[in-house]
PDB file of N, CA and C in Angstrom:
ATOM      1  N   MET A   1      50.610  18.292  -2.391  1.00  0.00           N
ATOM      2  CA  MET A   1      49.805  17.513  -1.581  1.00  0.00           C
ATOM      3  C   MET A   1      49.869  18.040  -0.118  1.00  0.00           C
ATOM      4  N   TYR A   2      50.991  18.610   0.327  1.00  0.00           N
ATOM      5  CA  TYR A   2      51.088  18.990   1.711  1.00  0.00           C
ATOM      6  C   TYR A   2      50.287  20.103   1.962  1.00  0.00           C
ATOM      7  N   GLU A   3      49.837  20.894   0.967  1.00  0.00           N
ATOM      8  CA  GLU A   3      48.815  21.944   1.262  1.00  0.00           C
ATOM      9  C   GLU A   3      47.547  21.413   1.665  1.00  0.00           C
ATOM     10  N   LEU A   4      47.242  20.271   1.163  1.00  0.00           N
ATOM     11  CA  LEU A   4      45.909  19.624   1.531  1.00  0.00           C
ATOM     12  C   LEU A   4      45.985  18.893   2.741  1.00  0.00           C
ATOM     13  N   PHE A   5      47.089  18.230   3.041  1.00  0.00           N
ATOM     14  CA  PHE A   5      47.283  17.414   4.153  1.00  0.00           C
ATOM     15  C   PHE A   5      48.631  17.864   4.912  1.00  0.00           C
ATOM     16  N   GLN A   6      48.560  18.817   5.642  1.00  0.00           N
ATOM     17  CA  GLN A   6      49.742  19.286   6.399  1.00  0.00           C
ATOM     18  C   GLN A   6      50.315  18.222   7.289  1.00  0.00           C
ATOM     19  N   ARG A   7      49.351  17.486   7.926  1.00  0.00           N
ATOM     20  CA  ARG A   7      49.704  16.408   8.808  1.00  0.00           C
ATOM     21  C   ARG A   7      50.741  15.384   8.190  1.00  0.00           C
ATOM     22  N   LEU A   8      50.614  15.189   6.766  1.00  0.00           N
ATOM     23  CA  LEU A   8      51.578  14.395   6.003  1.00  0.00           C
ATOM     24  C   LEU A   8      52.897  14.953   5.932  1.00  0.00           C
ATOM     25  N   GLN A   9      53.006  16.259   5.890  1.00  0.00           N
ATOM     26  CA  GLN A   9      54.250  16.924   5.782  1.00  0.00           C
ATOM     27  C   GLN A   9      55.017  16.673   7.107  1.00  0.00           C
ATOM     28  N   GLU A  10      54.359  16.700   8.194  1.00  0.00           N
ATOM     29  CA  GLU A  10      54.945  16.445   9.452  1.00  0.00           C
ATOM     30  C   GLU A  10      55.494  15.099   9.616  1.00  0.00           C
ATOM     31  N   ARG A  11      54.973  14.095   8.759  1.00  0.00           N
ATOM     32  CA  ARG A  11      55.218  12.700   8.899  1.00  0.00           C
ATOM     33  C   ARG A  11      56.058  12.332   7.532  1.00  0.00           C
ATOM     34  N   ALA A  12      56.634  13.267   6.817  1.00  0.00           N
ATOM     35  CA  ALA A  12      57.254  12.964   5.578  1.00  0.00           C
ATOM     36  C   ALA A  12      58.338  11.917   5.796  1.00  0.00           C
ATOM     37  N   ASP A  13      59.044  11.858   6.726  1.00  0.00           N
ATOM     38  CA  ASP A  13      60.183  10.921   6.970  1.00  0.00           C
ATOM     39  C   ASP A  13      59.642   9.560   7.329  1.00  0.00           C
ATOM     40  N   ASN A  14      58.404   9.391   7.626  1.00  0.00           N
ATOM     41  CA  ASN A  14      57.896   8.001   8.078  1.00  0.00           C
ATOM     42  C   ASN A  14      57.465   7.194   6.849  1.00  0.00           C
ATOM     43  N   MET A  15      57.602   5.917   6.970  1.00  0.00           N
ATOM     44  CA  MET A  15      57.088   4.898   5.924  1.00  0.00           C
ATOM     45  C   MET A  15      55.561   4.850   6.033  1.00  0.00           C
ATOM     46  N   GLY A  16      54.973   4.449   4.939  1.00  0.00           N
ATOM     47  CA  GLY A  16      53.479   4.370   4.917  1.00  0.00           C
ATOM     48  C   GLY A  16      52.881   3.554   6.005  1.00  0.00           C
ATOM     49  N   ASN A  17      53.635   2.398   6.412  1.00  0.00           N
ATOM     50  CA  ASN A  17      53.055   1.492   7.400  1.00  0.00           C
ATOM     51  C   ASN A  17      53.269   2.025   8.789  1.00  0.00           C
ATOM     52  N   GLN A  18      53.988   3.253   8.879  1.00  0.00           N
ATOM     53  CA  GLN A  18      54.135   3.943  10.219  1.00  0.00           C
ATOM     54  C   GLN A  18      53.122   4.992  10.475  1.00  0.00           C
ATOM     55  N   LEU A  19      52.285   5.197   9.537  1.00  0.00           N
ATOM     56  CA  LEU A  19      51.189   6.170   9.579  1.00  0.00           C
ATOM     57  C   LEU A  19      50.058   5.652  10.203  1.00  0.00           C
ATOM     58  N   SER A  20      49.199   6.541  10.934  1.00  0.00           N
ATOM     59  CA  SER A  20      47.932   6.113  11.550  1.00  0.00           C
ATOM     60  C   SER A  20      46.930   5.800  10.346  1.00  0.00           C
ATOM     61  N   GLY A  21      45.791   5.195  10.717  1.00  0.00           N
ATOM     62  CA  GLY A  21      44.780   4.826   9.706  1.00  0.00           C
ATOM     63  C   GLY A  21      44.421   6.007   8.936  1.00  0.00           C
ATOM     64  N   GLY A  22      44.142   7.111   9.686  1.00  0.00           N
ATOM     65  CA  GLY A  22      43.763   8.357   9.003  1.00  0.00           C
ATOM     66  C   GLY A  22      44.786   8.950   8.049  1.00  0.00           C
ATOM     67  N   GLU A  23      46.002   8.926   8.594  1.00  0.00           N
ATOM     68  CA  GLU A  23      47.207   9.326   7.717  1.00  0.00           C
ATOM     69  C   GLU A  23      47.352   8.610   6.450  1.00  0.00           C
ATOM     70  N   GLN A  24      47.168   7.241   6.684  1.00  0.00           N
ATOM     71  CA  GLN A  24      47.164   6.405   5.465  1.00  0.00           C
ATOM     72  C   GLN A  24      46.026   6.683   4.461  1.00  0.00           C
ATOM     73  N   GLN A  25      44.863   7.010   4.996  1.00  0.00           N
ATOM     74  CA  GLN A  25      43.801   7.447   4.068  1.00  0.00           C
ATOM     75  C   GLN A  25      44.108   8.733   3.476  1.00  0.00           C
ATOM     76  N   MET A  26      44.721   9.742   3.936  1.00  0.00           N
ATOM     77  CA  MET A  26      45.179  11.011   3.379  1.00  0.00           C
ATOM     78  C   MET A  26      46.172  10.601   2.358  1.00  0.00           C
ATOM     79  N   LEU A  27      47.151   9.710   2.621  1.00  0.00           N
ATOM     80  CA  LEU A  27      48.173   9.433   1.744  1.00  0.00           C
ATOM     81  C   LEU A  27      47.461   8.783   0.488  1.00  0.00           C
ATOM     82  N   ALA A  28      46.515   7.829   0.612  1.00  0.00           N
ATOM     83  CA  ALA A  28      45.908   7.254  -0.489  1.00  0.00           C
ATOM     84  C   ALA A  28      45.109   8.312  -1.340  1.00  0.00           C
ATOM     85  N   ILE A  29      44.473   9.258  -0.799  1.00  0.00           N
ATOM     86  CA  ILE A  29      43.796  10.344  -1.421  1.00  0.00           C
ATOM     87  C   ILE A  29      44.915  11.180  -2.279  1.00  0.00           C
ATOM     88  N   GLY A  30      45.900  11.472  -1.502  1.00  0.00           N
ATOM     89  CA  GLY A  30      46.995  12.207  -2.033  1.00  0.00           C
ATOM     90  C   GLY A  30      47.584  11.529  -3.377  1.00  0.00           C
ATOM     91  N   ARG A  31      47.866  10.270  -3.200  1.00  0.00           N
ATOM     92  CA  ARG A  31      48.385   9.481  -4.310  1.00  0.00           C
ATOM     93  C   ARG A  31      47.471   9.472  -5.481  1.00  0.00           C
ATOM     94  N   ALA A  32      46.261   9.333  -5.208  1.00  0.00           N
ATOM     95  CA  ALA A  32      45.249   9.390  -6.324  1.00  0.00           C
ATOM     96  C   ALA A  32      45.091  10.685  -6.963  1.00  0.00           C
ATOM     97  N   LEU A  33      45.320  11.754  -6.331  1.00  0.00           N
ATOM     98  CA  LEU A  33      45.365  13.062  -6.850  1.00  0.00           C
ATOM     99  C   LEU A  33      46.549  13.397  -7.634  1.00  0.00           C
ATOM    100  N   MET A  34      47.652  12.775  -7.352  1.00  0.00           N
ATOM    101  CA  MET A  34      48.871  13.018  -8.152  1.00  0.00           C
ATOM    102  C   MET A  34      48.763  12.516  -9.604  1.00  0.00           C
ATOM    103  N   THR A  35      47.800  11.743  -9.903  1.00  0.00           N
ATOM    104  CA  THR A  35      47.576  11.310 -11.312  1.00  0.00           C
ATOM    105  C   THR A  35      46.719  12.244 -12.032  1.00  0.00           C
ATOM    106  N   ASN A  36      46.271  13.374 -11.420  1.00  0.00           N
ATOM    107  CA  ASN A  36      45.431  14.403 -12.094  1.00  0.00           C
ATOM    108  C   ASN A  36      44.195  13.749 -12.595  1.00  0.00           C
ATOM    109  N   PRO A  37      43.427  13.218 -11.823  1.00  0.00           N
ATOM    110  CA  PRO A  37      42.175  12.389 -12.220  1.00  0.00           C
ATOM    111  C   PRO A  37      41.133  13.300 -12.734  1.00  0.00           C
ATOM    112  N   HIS A  38      40.400  12.968 -13.624  1.00  0.00           N
ATOM    113  CA  HIS A  38      39.154  13.676 -14.014  1.00  0.00           C
ATOM    114  C   HIS A  38      38.002  13.418 -12.994  1.00  0.00           C
ATOM    115  N   LEU A  39      38.073  12.298 -12.450  1.00  0.00           N
ATOM    116  CA  LEU A  39      37.083  11.925 -11.337  1.00  0.00           C
ATOM    117  C   LEU A  39      37.808  11.139 -10.212  1.00  0.00           C
ATOM    118  N   LEU A  40      37.597  11.686  -8.991  1.00  0.00           N
ATOM    119  CA  LEU A  40      38.122  11.016  -7.915  1.00  0.00           C
ATOM    120  C   LEU A  40      37.063  10.331  -7.190  1.00  0.00           C
ATOM    121  N   ILE A  41      37.143   9.026  -7.047  1.00  0.00           N
ATOM    122  CA  ILE A  41      36.105   8.229  -6.373  1.00  0.00           C
ATOM    123  C   ILE A  41      36.594   7.776  -5.037  1.00  0.00           C
ATOM    124  N   LEU A  42      35.621   8.107  -4.031  1.00  0.00           N
ATOM    125  CA  LEU A  42      35.994   7.708  -2.617  1.00  0.00           C
ATOM    126  C   LEU A  42      34.891   6.904  -2.088  1.00  0.00           C
ATOM    127  N   ASP A  43      35.211   5.662  -1.565  1.00  0.00           N
ATOM    128  CA  ASP A  43      34.184   4.764  -1.022  1.00  0.00           C
ATOM    129  C   ASP A  43      34.466   4.659   0.487  1.00  0.00           C
ATOM    130  N   GLU A  44      33.530   5.343   1.345  1.00  0.00           N
ATOM    131  CA  GLU A  44      33.583   5.143   2.780  1.00  0.00           C
ATOM    132  C   GLU A  44      35.010   5.732   3.161  1.00  0.00           C
ATOM    133  N   ALA A  45      35.498   6.861   2.677  1.00  0.00           N
ATOM    134  CA  ALA A  45      36.773   7.375   2.958  1.00  0.00           C
ATOM    135  C   ALA A  45      37.060   7.713   4.397  1.00  0.00           C
ATOM    136  N   THR A  46      36.014   7.892   5.174  1.00  0.00           N
ATOM    137  CA  THR A  46      36.240   8.252   6.545  1.00  0.00           C
ATOM    138  C   THR A  46      35.763   7.259   7.456  1.00  0.00           C
ATOM    139  N   GLU A  47      35.536   6.118   7.077  1.00  0.00           N
ATOM    140  CA  GLU A  47      34.882   5.071   7.828  1.00  0.00           C
ATOM    141  C   GLU A  47      35.968   4.603   8.905  1.00  0.00           C
ATOM    142  N   GLY A  48      35.703   4.562  10.151  1.00  0.00           N
ATOM    143  CA  GLY A  48      36.526   4.153  11.198  1.00  0.00           C
ATOM    144  C   GLY A  48      37.605   5.141  11.637  1.00  0.00           C
ATOM    145  N   LEU A  49      37.511   6.230  11.132  1.00  0.00           N
ATOM    146  CA  LEU A  49      38.465   7.238  11.563  1.00  0.00           C
ATOM    147  C   LEU A  49      38.136   8.110  12.634  1.00  0.00           C
ATOM    148  N   SER A  50      38.980   8.766  13.350  1.00  0.00           N
ATOM    149  CA  SER A  50      38.531   9.680  14.460  1.00  0.00           C
ATOM    150  C   SER A  50      37.850  10.863  13.950  1.00  0.00           C
ATOM    151  N   PRO A  51      37.057  11.495  14.722  1.00  0.00           N
ATOM    152  CA  PRO A  51      36.354  12.751  14.259  1.00  0.00           C
ATOM    153  C   PRO A  51      37.170  13.764  13.835  1.00  0.00           C
ATOM    154  N   LEU A  52      38.335  13.941  14.377  1.00  0.00           N
ATOM    155  CA  LEU A  52      39.257  14.951  13.972  1.00  0.00           C
ATOM    156  C   LEU A  52      39.862  14.672  12.618  1.00  0.00           C
ATOM    157  N   ILE A  53      40.233  13.582  12.420  1.00  0.00           N
ATOM    158  CA  ILE A  53      40.806  13.100  10.988  1.00  0.00           C
ATOM    159  C   ILE A  53      39.753  13.179   9.984  1.00  0.00           C
ATOM    160  N   ARG A  54      38.532  12.623  10.380  1.00  0.00           N
ATOM    161  CA  ARG A  54      37.424  12.634   9.554  1.00  0.00           C
ATOM    162  C   ARG A  54      37.087  14.139   9.010  1.00  0.00           C
ATOM    163  N   GLU A  55      37.067  15.023   9.872  1.00  0.00           N
ATOM    164  CA  GLU A  55      36.917  16.507   9.609  1.00  0.00           C
ATOM    165  C   GLU A  55      38.016  16.966   8.606  1.00  0.00           C
ATOM    166  N   GLU A  56      39.195  16.558   8.888  1.00  0.00           N
ATOM    167  CA  GLU A  56      40.276  17.028   7.944  1.00  0.00           C
ATOM    168  C   GLU A  56      40.096  16.438   6.620  1.00  0.00           C
ATOM    169  N   ILE A  57      39.679  15.355   6.447  1.00  0.00           N
ATOM    170  CA  ILE A  57      39.377  14.728   5.075  1.00  0.00           C
ATOM    171  C   ILE A  57      38.172  15.414   4.485  1.00  0.00           C
ATOM    172  N   TRP A  58      37.109  15.651   5.161  1.00  0.00           N
ATOM    173  CA  TRP A  58      35.949  16.425   4.638  1.00  0.00           C
ATOM    174  C   TRP A  58      36.386  17.827   4.170  1.00  0.00           C
ATOM    175  N   SER A  59      37.213  18.484   5.024  1.00  0.00           N
ATOM    176  CA  SER A  59      37.592  19.761   4.737  1.00  0.00           C
ATOM    177  C   SER A  59      38.482  19.760   3.391  1.00  0.00           C
ATOM    178  N   CYS A  60      39.230  18.815   3.263  1.00  0.00           N
ATOM    179  CA  CYS A  60      40.064  18.566   1.965  1.00  0.00           C
ATOM    180  C   CYS A  60      39.267  18.411   0.824  1.00  0.00           C
ATOM    181  N   LEU A  61      38.163  17.594   0.911  1.00  0.00           N
ATOM    182  CA  LEU A  61      37.248  17.314  -0.162  1.00  0.00           C
ATOM    183  C   LEU A  61      36.516  18.607  -0.524  1.00  0.00           C
ATOM    184  N   GLY A  62      36.179  19.485   0.431  1.00  0.00           N
ATOM    185  CA  GLY A  62      35.594  20.722   0.124  1.00  0.00           C
ATOM    186  C   GLY A  62      36.567  21.659  -0.712  1.00  0.00           C
ATOM    187  N   ARG A  63      37.698  21.706  -0.283  1.00  0.00           N
ATOM    188  CA  ARG A  63      38.701  22.563  -1.055  1.00  0.00           C
ATOM    189  C   ARG A  63      38.911  21.966  -2.466  1.00  0.00           C
ATOM    190  N   LEU A  64      38.964  20.666  -2.694  1.00  0.00           N
ATOM    191  CA  LEU A  64      39.121  20.054  -3.971  1.00  0.00           C
ATOM    192  C   LEU A  64      37.963  20.440  -4.774  1.00  0.00           C
ATOM    193  N   ARG A  65      36.784  20.325  -4.230  1.00  0.00           N
ATOM    194  CA  ARG A  65      35.494  20.746  -4.910  1.00  0.00           C
ATOM    195  C   ARG A  65      35.613  22.211  -5.416  1.00  0.00           C
ATOM    196  N   GLN A  66      36.052  23.141  -4.483  1.00  0.00           N
ATOM    197  CA  GLN A  66      36.162  24.508  -4.856  1.00  0.00           C
ATOM    198  C   GLN A  66      37.033  24.752  -5.976  1.00  0.00           C
ATOM    199  N   HIS A  67      38.022  23.912  -6.198  1.00  0.00           N
ATOM    200  CA  HIS A  67      39.094  23.986  -7.201  1.00  0.00           C
ATOM    201  C   HIS A  67      38.600  23.279  -8.474  1.00  0.00           C
ATOM    202  N   GLY A  68      37.394  22.786  -8.630  1.00  0.00           N
ATOM    203  CA  GLY A  68      36.897  22.157  -9.754  1.00  0.00           C
ATOM    204  C   GLY A  68      37.118  20.667  -9.856  1.00  0.00           C
ATOM    205  N   GLN A  69      37.586  19.894  -8.869  1.00  0.00           N
ATOM    206  CA  GLN A  69      37.746  18.597  -8.950  1.00  0.00           C
ATOM    207  C   GLN A  69      36.446  17.896  -8.941  1.00  0.00           C
ATOM    208  N   THR A  70      36.096  16.970  -9.811  1.00  0.00           N
ATOM    209  CA  THR A  70      35.022  16.235  -9.667  1.00  0.00           C
ATOM    210  C   THR A  70      35.174  15.003  -8.765  1.00  0.00           C
ATOM    211  N   ILE A  71      34.158  14.804  -7.805  1.00  0.00           N
ATOM    212  CA  ILE A  71      34.398  13.783  -6.830  1.00  0.00           C
ATOM    213  C   ILE A  71      33.144  12.951  -6.736  1.00  0.00           C
ATOM    214  N   LEU A  72      33.299  11.674  -6.649  1.00  0.00           N
ATOM    215  CA  LEU A  72      32.154  10.828  -6.399  1.00  0.00           C
ATOM    216  C   LEU A  72      32.380  10.123  -4.997  1.00  0.00           C
ATOM    217  N   VAL A  73      31.512  10.471  -3.996  1.00  0.00           N
ATOM    218  CA  VAL A  73      31.611  10.013  -2.671  1.00  0.00           C
ATOM    219  C   VAL A  73      30.642   9.034  -2.141  1.00  0.00           C
ATOM    220  N   ILE A  74      30.965   7.922  -1.853  1.00  0.00           N
ATOM    221  CA  ILE A  74      30.089   6.962  -1.254  1.00  0.00           C
ATOM    222  C   ILE A  74      30.283   6.989   0.188  1.00  0.00           C
ATOM    223  N   ASP A  75      29.298   7.526   0.990  1.00  0.00           N
ATOM    224  CA  ASP A  75      29.463   7.583   2.354  1.00  0.00           C
ATOM    225  C   ASP A  75      28.100   7.654   3.176  1.00  0.00           C
ATOM    226  N   LYS A  76      28.115   7.355   4.475  1.00  0.00           N
ATOM    227  CA  LYS A  76      26.930   7.356   5.240  1.00  0.00           C
ATOM    228  C   LYS A  76      26.728   8.600   5.954  1.00  0.00           C
ATOM    229  N   TYR A  77      27.681   9.586   5.953  1.00  0.00           N
ATOM    230  CA  TYR A  77      27.631  10.865   6.675  1.00  0.00           C
ATOM    231  C   TYR A  77      26.855  11.889   5.781  1.00  0.00           C
ATOM    232  N   VAL A  78      25.530  11.665   5.668  1.00  0.00           N
ATOM    233  CA  VAL A  78      24.693  12.539   4.855  1.00  0.00           C
ATOM    234  C   VAL A  78      24.783  14.058   5.154  1.00  0.00           C
ATOM    235  N   ASP A  79      24.912  14.294   6.387  1.00  0.00           N
ATOM    236  CA  ASP A  79      24.900  15.706   6.979  1.00  0.00           C
ATOM    237  C   ASP A  79      26.182  16.351   6.277  1.00  0.00           C
ATOM    238  N   ARG A  80      27.292  15.693   6.124  1.00  0.00           N
ATOM    239  CA  ARG A  80      28.601  16.224   5.408  1.00  0.00           C
ATOM    240  C   ARG A  80      28.367  16.226   3.986  1.00  0.00           C
ATOM    241  N   LEU A  81      27.704  15.254   3.439  1.00  0.00           N
ATOM    242  CA  LEU A  81      27.500  15.256   2.006  1.00  0.00           C
ATOM    243  C   LEU A  81      26.710  16.349   1.442  1.00  0.00           C
ATOM    244  N   LEU A  82      25.733  16.848   2.368  1.00  0.00           N
ATOM    245  CA  LEU A  82      24.786  17.856   1.925  1.00  0.00           C
ATOM    246  C   LEU A  82      25.569  19.139   1.601  1.00  0.00           C
ATOM    247  N   SER A  83      26.637  19.481   2.311  1.00  0.00           N
ATOM    248  CA  SER A  83      27.379  20.759   2.001  1.00  0.00           C
ATOM    249  C   SER A  83      28.358  20.436   0.949  1.00  0.00           C
ATOM    250  N   LEU A  84      28.716  19.257   0.536  1.00  0.00           N
ATOM    251  CA  LEU A  84      29.688  18.991  -0.347  1.00  0.00           C
ATOM    252  C   LEU A  84      29.224  18.650  -1.786  1.00  0.00           C
ATOM    253  N   ALA A  85      28.111  17.960  -1.823  1.00  0.00           N
ATOM    254  CA  ALA A  85      27.679  17.320  -3.155  1.00  0.00           C
ATOM    255  C   ALA A  85      26.666  18.189  -3.760  1.00  0.00           C
ATOM    256  N   ASP A  86      26.653  18.202  -5.127  1.00  0.00           N
ATOM    257  CA  ASP A  86      25.550  18.821  -5.968  1.00  0.00           C
ATOM    258  C   ASP A  86      24.378  17.918  -6.082  1.00  0.00           C
ATOM    259  N   ARG A  87      24.650  16.667  -6.239  1.00  0.00           N
ATOM    260  CA  ARG A  87      23.596  15.667  -6.441  1.00  0.00           C
ATOM    261  C   ARG A  87      23.797  14.510  -5.510  1.00  0.00           C
ATOM    262  N   HIS A  88      22.688  13.782  -5.227  1.00  0.00           N
ATOM    263  CA  HIS A  88      22.733  12.680  -4.284  1.00  0.00           C
ATOM    264  C   HIS A  88      22.031  11.538  -4.970  1.00  0.00           C
ATOM    265  N   THR A  89      22.366  10.321  -4.760  1.00  0.00           N
ATOM    266  CA  THR A  89      21.665   9.125  -5.311  1.00  0.00           C
ATOM    267  C   THR A  89      21.798   8.080  -4.194  1.00  0.00           C
ATOM    268  N   VAL A  90      20.524   7.577  -3.910  1.00  0.00           N
ATOM    269  CA  VAL A  90      20.438   6.474  -2.917  1.00  0.00           C
ATOM    270  C   VAL A  90      20.224   5.229  -3.625  1.00  0.00           C
ATOM    271  N   ILE A  91      21.142   4.240  -3.429  1.00  0.00           N
ATOM    272  CA  ILE A  91      21.017   3.002  -4.230  1.00  0.00           C
ATOM    273  C   ILE A  91      20.841   1.841  -3.132  1.00  0.00           C
ATOM    274  N   GLU A  92      19.768   1.019  -3.314  1.00  0.00           N
ATOM    275  CA  GLU A  92      19.451  -0.049  -2.348  1.00  0.00           C
ATOM    276  C   GLU A  92      19.397  -1.337  -3.151  1.00  0.00           C
ATOM    277  N   ARG A  93      20.057  -2.346  -2.844  1.00  0.00           N
ATOM    278  CA  ARG A  93      20.190  -3.555  -3.550  1.00  0.00           C
ATOM    279  C   ARG A  93      20.276  -3.381  -5.040  1.00  0.00           C
ATOM    280  N   GLY A  94      21.238  -2.442  -5.367  1.00  0.00           N
ATOM    281  CA  GLY A  94      21.578  -2.278  -6.894  1.00  0.00           C
ATOM    282  C   GLY A  94      20.624  -1.409  -7.639  1.00  0.00           C
ATOM    283  N   ARG A  95      19.614  -0.936  -6.983  1.00  0.00           N
ATOM    284  CA  ARG A  95      18.593  -0.118  -7.661  1.00  0.00           C
ATOM    285  C   ARG A  95      18.654   1.393  -7.100  1.00  0.00           C
ATOM    286  N   VAL A  96      18.476   2.320  -8.016  1.00  0.00           N
ATOM    287  CA  VAL A  96      18.299   3.628  -7.620  1.00  0.00           C
ATOM    288  C   VAL A  96      16.991   3.868  -6.963  1.00  0.00           C
ATOM    289  N   VAL A  97      16.871   4.105  -5.730  1.00  0.00           N
ATOM    290  CA  VAL A  97      15.573   4.509  -5.039  1.00  0.00           C
ATOM    291  C   VAL A  97      15.232   5.931  -4.844  1.00  0.00           C
ATOM    292  N   TRP A  98      16.213   6.660  -4.967  1.00  0.00           N
ATOM    293  CA  TRP A  98      16.007   8.150  -4.790  1.00  0.00           C
ATOM    294  C   TRP A  98      17.170   8.926  -5.450  1.00  0.00           C
ATOM    295  N   SER A  99      16.782  10.045  -6.037  1.00  0.00           N
ATOM    296  CA  SER A  99      17.904  10.861  -6.613  1.00  0.00           C
ATOM    297  C   SER A  99      17.526  12.371  -6.549  1.00  0.00           C
ATOM    298  N   GLY A 100      18.366  13.192  -6.194  1.00  0.00           N
ATOM    299  CA  GLY A 100      17.979  14.674  -6.145  1.00  0.00           C
ATOM    300  C   GLY A 100      19.172  15.542  -5.723  1.00  0.00           C
ATOM    301  N   SER A 101      18.755  16.754  -5.507  1.00  0.00           N
ATOM    302  CA  SER A 101      19.816  17.795  -5.030  1.00  0.00           C
ATOM    303  C   SER A 101      19.969  17.760  -3.662  1.00  0.00           C
ATOM    304  N   SER A 102      21.090  18.561  -3.139  1.00  0.00           N
ATOM    305  CA  SER A 102      21.129  18.706  -1.697  1.00  0.00           C
ATOM    306  C   SER A 102      19.997  19.290  -1.030  1.00  0.00           C
ATOM    307  N   ASP A 103      19.362  20.419  -1.668  1.00  0.00           N
ATOM    308  CA  ASP A 103      18.213  20.994  -1.032  1.00  0.00           C
ATOM    309  C   ASP A 103      16.987  19.939  -0.987  1.00  0.00           C
ATOM    310  N   GLN A 104      16.851  19.155  -1.987  1.00  0.00           N
ATOM    311  CA  GLN A 104      15.827  18.147  -1.913  1.00  0.00           C
ATOM    312  C   GLN A 104      16.013  17.190  -0.883  1.00  0.00           C
ATOM    313  N   LEU A 105      17.298  16.699  -0.634  1.00  0.00           N
ATOM    314  CA  LEU A 105      17.577  15.637   0.515  1.00  0.00           C
ATOM    315  C   LEU A 105      17.549  16.409   1.755  1.00  0.00           C
ATOM    316  N   ARG A 106      17.906  17.652   1.812  1.00  0.00           N
ATOM    317  CA  ARG A 106      17.790  18.365   3.190  1.00  0.00           C
ATOM    318  C   ARG A 106      16.480  18.446   3.624  1.00  0.00           C
ATOM    319  N   ALA A 107      15.482  18.574   2.714  1.00  0.00           N
ATOM    320  CA  ALA A 107      14.101  18.850   2.964  1.00  0.00           C
ATOM    321  C   ALA A 107      13.395  17.406   3.165  1.00  0.00           C
ATOM    322  N   SER A 108      14.116  16.324   2.937  1.00  0.00           N
ATOM    323  CA  SER A 108      13.551  15.021   3.092  1.00  0.00           C
ATOM    324  C   SER A 108      14.299  14.047   4.094  1.00  0.00           C
ATOM    325  N   PRO A 109      14.156  14.489   5.324  1.00  0.00           N
ATOM    326  CA  PRO A 109      14.939  13.601   6.369  1.00  0.00           C
ATOM    327  C   PRO A 109      14.399  12.136   6.418  1.00  0.00           C
ATOM    328  N   ASP A 110      13.118  12.021   5.973  1.00  0.00           N
ATOM    329  CA  ASP A 110      12.616  10.582   5.839  1.00  0.00           C
ATOM    330  C   ASP A 110      13.440   9.679   4.969  1.00  0.00           C
ATOM    331  N   ILE A 111      14.088  10.251   3.926  1.00  0.00           N
ATOM    332  CA  ILE A 111      14.881   9.428   3.062  1.00  0.00           C
ATOM    333  C   ILE A 111      16.102   8.943   3.812  1.00  0.00           C
ATOM    334  N   TRP A 112      16.662   9.892   4.617  1.00  0.00           N
ATOM    335  CA  TRP A 112      17.836   9.557   5.510  1.00  0.00           C
ATOM    336  C   TRP A 112      17.433   8.434   6.275  1.00  0.00           C
ATOM    337  N   HIS A 113      16.350   8.470   7.066  1.00  0.00           N
ATOM    338  CA  HIS A 113      15.975   7.471   8.086  1.00  0.00           C
ATOM    339  C   HIS A 113      15.694   6.089   7.282  1.00  0.00           C
ATOM    340  N   ARG A 114      15.041   6.233   6.228  1.00  0.00           N
ATOM    341  CA  ARG A 114      14.567   5.064   5.580  1.00  0.00           C
ATOM    342  C   ARG A 114      15.775   4.249   4.952  1.00  0.00           C
ATOM    343  N   TYR A 115      16.652   4.953   4.344  1.00  0.00           N
ATOM    344  CA  TYR A 115      17.629   4.212   3.590  1.00  0.00           C
ATOM    345  C   TYR A 115      19.157   4.214   4.258  1.00  0.00           C
ATOM    346  N   VAL A 116      19.361   5.326   4.963  1.00  0.00           N
ATOM    347  CA  VAL A 116      20.732   5.345   5.598  1.00  0.00           C
ATOM    348  C   VAL A 116      20.727   5.092   7.014  1.00  0.00           C
ATOM    349  N   GLY A 117      19.545   5.300   7.663  1.00  0.00           N
ATOM    350  CA  GLY A 117      19.436   4.944   9.103  1.00  0.00           C
ATOM    351  C   GLY A 117      20.111   5.910  10.119  1.00  0.00           C
ATOM    352  N   VAL A 118      20.090   7.229   9.669  1.00  0.00           N
ATOM    353  CA  VAL A 118      20.697   8.220  10.523  1.00  0.00           C
ATOM    354  C   VAL A 118      19.540   9.078  11.072  1.00  0.00           C
TER     355      VAL A 118
END
């Protein structure tokens, strides 16, 4: 786990409640990965975190993807999801309103603005 989150290695002697919000999120992801999941589900994993910590988590997810980990990410940072995800699904009020590849979503900024507001 320390390979993914070197920051946690620096804080190894600290209790979980002594970690920052971003470090706690890294710890939660690390704990989930320790179970060797077939699917890692992350819902707004970077919400409210500093840009530096957010970037560290996105980088980790990219490395996990490269190593074959299947990840379902629910997030509003569409620009980061474009480089991470194979497929995207936009759900509004419990209904799928759009689904497609990263290339299709990249070519449809109107989808971003209509449903995500970015």
